[in-house]
Amino acid sequence: MVQGKLEVLLISAKGLENTDFLSDIDPYVILTCRTQDKKSSVASGKGTEPEWNETFLFKVSGGVSELKLKIMDSDTITSDDFLGEANVPLEPLFEQGSLPPTSYNIVKEGEYCGEIRVSLTFTPEESYDRDLPEGSFGGWKQSSFD
């Protein structure tokens, strides 16, 4: 079972659809690793080729297999627009420990609609339930009170 810390460097995106008619889009990203959500800053006025260069940390345990990146356009008057999403498989990362900046396809309704660039680092955590002496309970000792 994989357990440890996932570090995501959200670098940039390109080729995003401009959903705002009179101005540039203000994109941001919602990063989801299983039940943990993180939100990037809004790249105000950056349009279809935003840069963030922000780092996010996630605790990884259990059978997590992917990181989801949901790209949104921040709007003040109307609700935020969904621009697309990318799913980043984590299995290669768990094997290699880190992945250099890589571009992943952004998809909306099954159609390609841009790319998002991220760098990933995984730091495994030592498991505490291995190699414990017989009768040990992870730091708790049974009382010898009779």
C-alpha atoms as a PDB file:
ATOM      1  CA  MET A   1       0.000   0.000   0.000  1.00  0.00           C
ATOM      2  CA  VAL A   2       1.386   3.381  -1.056  1.00  0.00           C
ATOM      3  CA  GLN A   3       1.644   5.979   1.682  1.00  0.00           C
ATOM      4  CA  GLY A   4       3.428   9.316   1.800  1.00  0.00           C
ATOM      5  CA  LYS A   5       3.443  12.906   0.607  1.00  0.00           C
ATOM      6  CA  LEU A   6       2.529  14.048  -2.910  1.00  0.00           C
ATOM      7  CA  GLU A   7       3.944  17.413  -3.970  1.00  0.00           C
ATOM      8  CA  VAL A   8       2.363  18.979  -7.050  1.00  0.00           C
ATOM      9  CA  LEU A   9       3.921  21.963  -8.805  1.00  0.00           C
ATOM     10  CA  LEU A  10       1.183  23.548 -10.927  1.00  0.00           C
ATOM     11  CA  ILE A  11       3.134  25.339 -13.645  1.00  0.00           C
ATOM     12  CA  SER A  12       0.930  26.571 -16.478  1.00  0.00           C
ATOM     13  CA  ALA A  13      -1.741  25.828 -19.075  1.00  0.00           C
ATOM     14  CA  LYS A  14      -2.121  26.641 -22.744  1.00  0.00           C
ATOM     15  CA  GLY A  15      -4.771  26.464 -25.423  1.00  0.00           C
ATOM     16  CA  LEU A  16      -7.672  27.071 -23.034  1.00  0.00           C
ATOM     17  CA  GLU A  17     -11.004  28.138 -24.491  1.00  0.00           C
ATOM     18  CA  ASN A  18     -11.870  31.791 -23.888  1.00  0.00           C
ATOM     19  CA  THR A  19     -15.399  31.660 -22.474  1.00  0.00           C
ATOM     20  CA  ASP A  20     -15.522  35.410 -21.725  1.00  0.00           C
ATOM     21  CA  PHE A  21     -16.699  37.515 -24.652  1.00  0.00           C
ATOM     22  CA  LEU A  22     -15.475  40.970 -23.661  1.00  0.00           C
ATOM     23  CA  SER A  23     -12.329  40.150 -21.692  1.00  0.00           C
ATOM     24  CA  ASP A  24      -9.713  37.489 -21.011  1.00  0.00           C
ATOM     25  CA  ILE A  25     -10.578  34.486 -18.875  1.00  0.00           C
ATOM     26  CA  ASP A  26      -9.373  34.313 -15.269  1.00  0.00           C
ATOM     27  CA  PRO A  27      -8.480  30.621 -14.871  1.00  0.00           C
ATOM     28  CA  TYR A  28      -7.843  28.685 -11.684  1.00  0.00           C
ATOM     29  CA  VAL A  29      -7.411  24.981 -10.952  1.00  0.00           C
ATOM     30  CA  ILE A  30      -9.061  22.685  -8.410  1.00  0.00           C
ATOM     31  CA  LEU A  31      -6.665  19.842  -7.618  1.00  0.00           C
ATOM     32  CA  THR A  32      -8.231  16.680  -6.189  1.00  0.00           C
ATOM     33  CA  CYS A  33      -6.382  13.716  -4.747  1.00  0.00           C
ATOM     34  CA  ARG A  34      -9.018  11.279  -3.547  1.00  0.00           C
ATOM     35  CA  THR A  35     -10.986  13.299  -0.943  1.00  0.00           C
ATOM     36  CA  GLN A  36      -8.530  16.198  -0.608  1.00  0.00           C
ATOM     37  CA  ASP A  37      -9.223  19.360  -2.627  1.00  0.00           C
ATOM     38  CA  LYS A  38      -6.888  22.319  -3.095  1.00  0.00           C
ATOM     39  CA  LYS A  39      -7.521  25.461  -5.137  1.00  0.00           C
ATOM     40  CA  SER A  40      -4.928  27.496  -6.989  1.00  0.00           C
ATOM     41  CA  SER A  41      -4.912  31.251  -7.110  1.00  0.00           C
ATOM     42  CA  VAL A  42      -6.869  32.913  -9.911  1.00  0.00           C
ATOM     43  CA  ALA A  43      -4.629  33.892 -12.833  1.00  0.00           C
ATOM     44  CA  SER A  44      -6.461  37.198 -13.335  1.00  0.00           C
ATOM     45  CA  GLY A  45      -6.398  38.456 -16.891  1.00  0.00           C
ATOM     46  CA  LYS A  46      -3.908  35.779 -17.971  1.00  0.00           C
ATOM     47  CA  GLY A  47      -6.257  34.510 -20.656  1.00  0.00           C
ATOM     48  CA  THR A  48      -5.787  31.207 -22.442  1.00  0.00           C
ATOM     49  CA  GLU A  49      -2.121  30.735 -21.421  1.00  0.00           C
ATOM     50  CA  PRO A  50      -1.983  31.227 -17.623  1.00  0.00           C
ATOM     51  CA  GLU A  51       1.013  30.588 -15.368  1.00  0.00           C
ATOM     52  CA  TRP A  52       0.711  29.739 -11.677  1.00  0.00           C
ATOM     53  CA  ASN A  53       3.982  28.203 -10.433  1.00  0.00           C
ATOM     54  CA  GLU A  54       2.278  27.131  -7.200  1.00  0.00           C
ATOM     55  CA  THR A  55       3.050  24.100  -5.052  1.00  0.00           C
ATOM     56  CA  PHE A  56       0.422  21.939  -3.347  1.00  0.00           C
ATOM     57  CA  LEU A  57       0.911  19.104  -0.837  1.00  0.00           C
ATOM     58  CA  PHE A  58      -1.332  16.066  -0.423  1.00  0.00           C
ATOM     59  CA  LYS A  59      -1.173  13.156   2.006  1.00  0.00           C
ATOM     60  CA  VAL A  60      -1.398   9.904   0.080  1.00  0.00           C
ATOM     61  CA  SER A  61      -2.586   6.608   1.535  1.00  0.00           C
ATOM     62  CA  GLY A  62      -4.496   3.646   0.266  1.00  0.00           C
ATOM     63  CA  GLY A  63      -5.287   2.961  -3.354  1.00  0.00           C
ATOM     64  CA  VAL A  64      -5.049   6.453  -4.822  1.00  0.00           C
ATOM     65  CA  SER A  65      -4.343   6.115  -8.542  1.00  0.00           C
ATOM     66  CA  GLU A  66      -4.760   9.590 -10.031  1.00  0.00           C
ATOM     67  CA  LEU A  67      -4.701  13.316  -9.471  1.00  0.00           C
ATOM     68  CA  LYS A  68      -7.613  15.266 -10.968  1.00  0.00           C
ATOM     69  CA  LEU A  69      -7.119  18.789 -12.248  1.00  0.00           C
ATOM     70  CA  LYS A  70     -10.298  20.746 -12.932  1.00  0.00           C
ATOM     71  CA  ILE A  71      -9.764  24.045 -14.764  1.00  0.00           C
ATOM     72  CA  MET A  72     -12.298  26.800 -14.088  1.00  0.00           C
ATOM     73  CA  ASP A  73     -12.803  30.410 -15.182  1.00  0.00           C
ATOM     74  CA  SER A  74     -13.511  32.778 -12.301  1.00  0.00           C
ATOM     75  CA  ASP A  75     -16.478  35.056 -12.992  1.00  0.00           C
ATOM     76  CA  THR A  76     -17.757  37.805 -10.724  1.00  0.00           C
ATOM     77  CA  ILE A  77     -21.357  38.188 -11.885  1.00  0.00           C
ATOM     78  CA  THR A  78     -22.206  34.704 -13.155  1.00  0.00           C
ATOM     79  CA  SER A  79     -21.135  31.306 -11.843  1.00  0.00           C
ATOM     80  CA  ASP A  80     -17.612  30.129 -12.705  1.00  0.00           C
ATOM     81  CA  ASP A  81     -17.251  28.386 -16.070  1.00  0.00           C
ATOM     82  CA  PHE A  82     -15.894  24.844 -16.405  1.00  0.00           C
ATOM     83  CA  LEU A  83     -13.055  24.899 -18.956  1.00  0.00           C
ATOM     84  CA  GLY A  84     -12.037  21.228 -18.803  1.00  0.00           C
ATOM     85  CA  GLU A  85     -10.181  18.675 -16.735  1.00  0.00           C
ATOM     86  CA  ALA A  86      -7.118  16.458 -16.802  1.00  0.00           C
ATOM     87  CA  ASN A  87      -6.459  13.198 -14.977  1.00  0.00           C
ATOM     88  CA  VAL A  88      -2.844  12.526 -14.048  1.00  0.00           C
ATOM     89  CA  PRO A  89      -2.000   8.847 -13.428  1.00  0.00           C
ATOM     90  CA  LEU A  90       0.122   8.456 -10.287  1.00  0.00           C
ATOM     91  CA  GLU A  91       1.455   4.913 -10.764  1.00  0.00           C
ATOM     92  CA  PRO A  92       4.564   6.041 -12.748  1.00  0.00           C
ATOM     93  CA  LEU A  93       5.249   8.608 -10.012  1.00  0.00           C
ATOM     94  CA  PHE A  94       5.117   5.986  -7.239  1.00  0.00           C
ATOM     95  CA  GLU A  95       7.660   3.892  -9.166  1.00  0.00           C
ATOM     96  CA  GLN A  96      10.058   6.731 -10.041  1.00  0.00           C
ATOM     97  CA  GLY A  97       9.653   9.100  -7.074  1.00  0.00           C
ATOM     98  CA  SER A  98       9.395  12.229  -9.212  1.00  0.00           C
ATOM     99  CA  LEU A  99       8.218  13.279 -12.648  1.00  0.00           C
ATOM    100  CA  PRO A 100       9.681  16.311 -14.463  1.00  0.00           C
ATOM    101  CA  PRO A 101       7.358  19.029 -15.795  1.00  0.00           C
ATOM    102  CA  THR A 102       4.926  17.200 -18.061  1.00  0.00           C
ATOM    103  CA  SER A 103       1.949  18.391 -20.125  1.00  0.00           C
ATOM    104  CA  TYR A 104      -1.382  16.586 -19.798  1.00  0.00           C
ATOM    105  CA  ASN A 105      -4.358  16.960 -22.129  1.00  0.00           C
ATOM    106  CA  ILE A 106      -7.323  18.939 -20.874  1.00  0.00           C
ATOM    107  CA  VAL A 107     -10.616  17.398 -21.962  1.00  0.00           C
ATOM    108  CA  LYS A 108     -14.151  18.795 -21.925  1.00  0.00           C
ATOM    109  CA  GLU A 109     -17.073  16.610 -23.020  1.00  0.00           C
ATOM    110  CA  GLY A 110     -14.648  14.151 -24.612  1.00  0.00           C
ATOM    111  CA  GLU A 111     -12.916  16.839 -26.699  1.00  0.00           C
ATOM    112  CA  TYR A 112      -9.320  18.069 -26.394  1.00  0.00           C
ATOM    113  CA  CYS A 113      -9.288  21.690 -25.218  1.00  0.00           C
ATOM    114  CA  GLY A 114      -5.747  22.526 -24.132  1.00  0.00           C
ATOM    115  CA  GLU A 115      -2.873  21.331 -21.985  1.00  0.00           C
ATOM    116  CA  ILE A 116      -1.869  21.756 -18.363  1.00  0.00           C
ATOM    117  CA  ARG A 117       1.716  21.425 -17.165  1.00  0.00           C
ATOM    118  CA  VAL A 118       2.632  19.986 -13.763  1.00  0.00           C
ATOM    119  CA  SER A 119       5.645  18.493 -12.011  1.00  0.00           C
ATOM    120  CA  LEU A 120       5.184  15.779  -9.368  1.00  0.00           C
ATOM    121  CA  THR A 121       7.239  14.491  -6.454  1.00  0.00           C
ATOM    122  CA  PHE A 122       6.338  11.602  -4.146  1.00  0.00           C
ATOM    123  CA  THR A 123       8.000  11.061  -0.770  1.00  0.00           C
ATOM    124  CA  PRO A 124       7.138   7.656   0.728  1.00  0.00           C
ATOM    125  CA  GLU A 125       6.359   7.473   4.427  1.00  0.00           C
ATOM    126  CA  GLU A 126       7.692   4.665   6.537  1.00  0.00           C
ATOM    127  CA  SER A 127       4.963   2.302   7.604  1.00  0.00           C
ATOM    128  CA  TYR A 128       4.682   2.033  11.364  1.00  0.00           C
ATOM    129  CA  ASP A 129       3.100  -1.386  11.491  1.00  0.00           C
ATOM    130  CA  ARG A 130       6.103  -3.234  10.042  1.00  0.00           C
ATOM    131  CA  ASP A 131       8.898  -4.802  12.049  1.00  0.00           C
ATOM    132  CA  LEU A 132       7.386  -4.183  15.471  1.00  0.00           C
ATOM    133  CA  PRO A 133       8.577  -6.548  18.176  1.00  0.00           C
ATOM    134  CA  GLU A 134       6.146  -9.227  19.293  1.00  0.00           C
ATOM    135  CA  GLY A 135       3.820  -7.832  21.943  1.00  0.00           C
ATOM    136  CA  SER A 136       4.523  -4.236  20.935  1.00  0.00           C
ATOM    137  CA  PHE A 137       1.572  -2.019  20.148  1.00  0.00           C
ATOM    138  CA  GLY A 138       3.312   0.852  18.357  1.00  0.00           C
ATOM    139  CA  GLY A 139       4.595   2.673  21.425  1.00  0.00           C
ATOM    140  CA  TRP A 140       1.877   1.491  23.797  1.00  0.00           C
ATOM    141  CA  LYS A 141       2.929  -1.135  26.284  1.00  0.00           C
ATOM    142  CA  GLN A 142       0.631  -3.447  28.068  1.00  0.00           C
ATOM    143  CA  SER A 143       0.492  -2.778  31.767  1.00  0.00           C
ATOM    144  CA  SER A 144       2.235  -5.257  34.023  1.00  0.00           C
ATOM    145  CA  PHE A 145      -0.169  -4.398  36.843  1.00  0.00           C
ATOM    146  CA  ASP A 146      -1.475  -7.565  38.442  1.00  0.00           C
END
